[in-house]
Amino acid sequence: MNFSHPRCPGPMLRREFLAAGALGTGGFLLPDLFRMQSHAAQQGAKIDPETSIIFVWLPGGPPHMDMYDMKPDASSDYRGAFRPIRTNVPGIEVCELLPRHAAIADRFSVVRSISHTFADHGGGHKRMMTGRIPATPVDTVNDAPATGSIVARCREFVDRGVPNYVSMNPGGRTNDVFAQGPAYLGQAYLPFNVEGDPSVPNFVVPNIAPVAMARGSVNDRISLLGNLDRIQRNIDSSRMMESMDRYQQRAVSMLTSDRAKKAFDLSLESDAVRNSYGRHCWGQRALMARRLVEAGVSFVTVVMENPYQSGVPALKQGVYNWDSHAVNCHIWDDLQVRLPIYDQAVTALIEDVYQRGMDKKTMILVTGEFGRTPRLENTVGSQTGVKQPGRDHWPQAMSLIMAGGGMRTGQIIGSTNSKGEHPVDRPLTPNDLWATVYRHLGIDFEQSFPDHGGRPMPILPFGEPISELLPSV
């Protein structure tokens, strides 16, 4: 199957690549990034900057057989405690704890047949985040660039007053925890991290990258970690802008511009909109993601890991992420808290994107690193001290949903066997998923970038866009 792709900027010269790899000492230095962006712009890249991705990441591994691929006719040691319910699309069913999904099933597609072979969280994260076979089956430090970093590299010429790659992570979590690193692309392609809970009244963007500054021998760096208005006033009063070169000026202007400040400011949304997403960390992160792509961000990662925050009491038999081993949690009790919060946040995001007419340009992808074992386990919980049900890691089968992006929605792609163990129809890999994403963004995924040894490494070594999702010609 052949598809035409507008070409993204070609590989950097080796000396530029080595310079990019040396950036990490003091953090993500935006002026250095913009110097490389200038080089890319001179190559005349032909990518539509209006397209974007909202990537909802569910670390730990969501249980496919308790969400989107239920097996009510399987034996009790497989099927789980919840029943499937019908949706507004005949033939599509979802878990009873996802009633909002059921109401808008015509606006997303369920993919049930992606699988891989990495059962460790580290290997699973790397496999899913990069579209490449990781060098090691464990650890989450990338040996290949995460997709968001590839997008940032291919769109480094795009200047819309906001970062091209943003990630909303739990507080204190680094990019390496979720395999979001840029690997051999260099630190300039790390995501612009936004930590914390946007639902709290005193939320600010707490982790804005430092920007290298020069004003004689006095100022060497301004740390943009606090209030952007205060920083803007300081810069204006000291006339520091006049002493910076154009790349440094652009770095500061981006992070102190009204466009950037407004993109992160949820107070500009009505109470009705904020309430529709849920006054919770997950919901408000999803809302911020919509605001960011609306402002021009190309790739936003929304981490939905721990539901026990924003006033939700911790459940003794619950677990902070989606890693629902019996030793970690009572899976049914945990899902009764987790899934309603997830249901509201994700469906509000999908509906909002469609209602605002963003569904052609913005693609939404919701997934974790793998599914869970079809057969239930019963083990003594580490917190409860009693036997409880759970599911282990299972990369042989998983389910995910996709919406927007001009895709054909309201369908199920692929299937698993009667016990949910492995694909039997339309087997796919993470590479097919990312090929679909790159096609939407106009990125030629056959392009190569040099690794640390100077060897050309293709964006994707294999994979094709999922044809069932592509718009009809």
Foldseek 3Di string as FASTA:
>chain_A
DDDDFQAFQAADDPVLLVVQAPPPPQAQAQLNLLVVLVVRVVVPGDWDLLFAEEEEAFAQAAAFCQFFFAQVPDDPLFRDDFDWDAAPFPPGTTTPLQVLCRDPQQFKEKEWFAFDDQQESQQLLQCLQQQDRAPDSDFQAHQAAGPQLVQCSRCSNDPLLERQFEEEDEPPDDCSVRNNDHASSHRNSRHQYAYDFPLDPPDDRARGGKYAADDPPPDGIDGPGDDLVVVVVVCVVVVSLVVDPPSSNSVNCSCNPPLHVVLQDPVVDDPVLQPQQPSTRLQVLLVSVVSVSVSRHHYYYYYDAARCDPPNPDDLQEARGNNWAQQRHQVVVHCSRPSNNVSRRVSSSSVVCVVVVNLQRYKYKYGYSAHWDSRWDWDQHPRPRHTHITTHGARQIGMIMMGGNLWRGSYYHFHCPSSSRHTDHDRFYSQQVVQQVCRSRSYDQQHFYQHPVGDTDGSHPDYHHDVNTDHDD
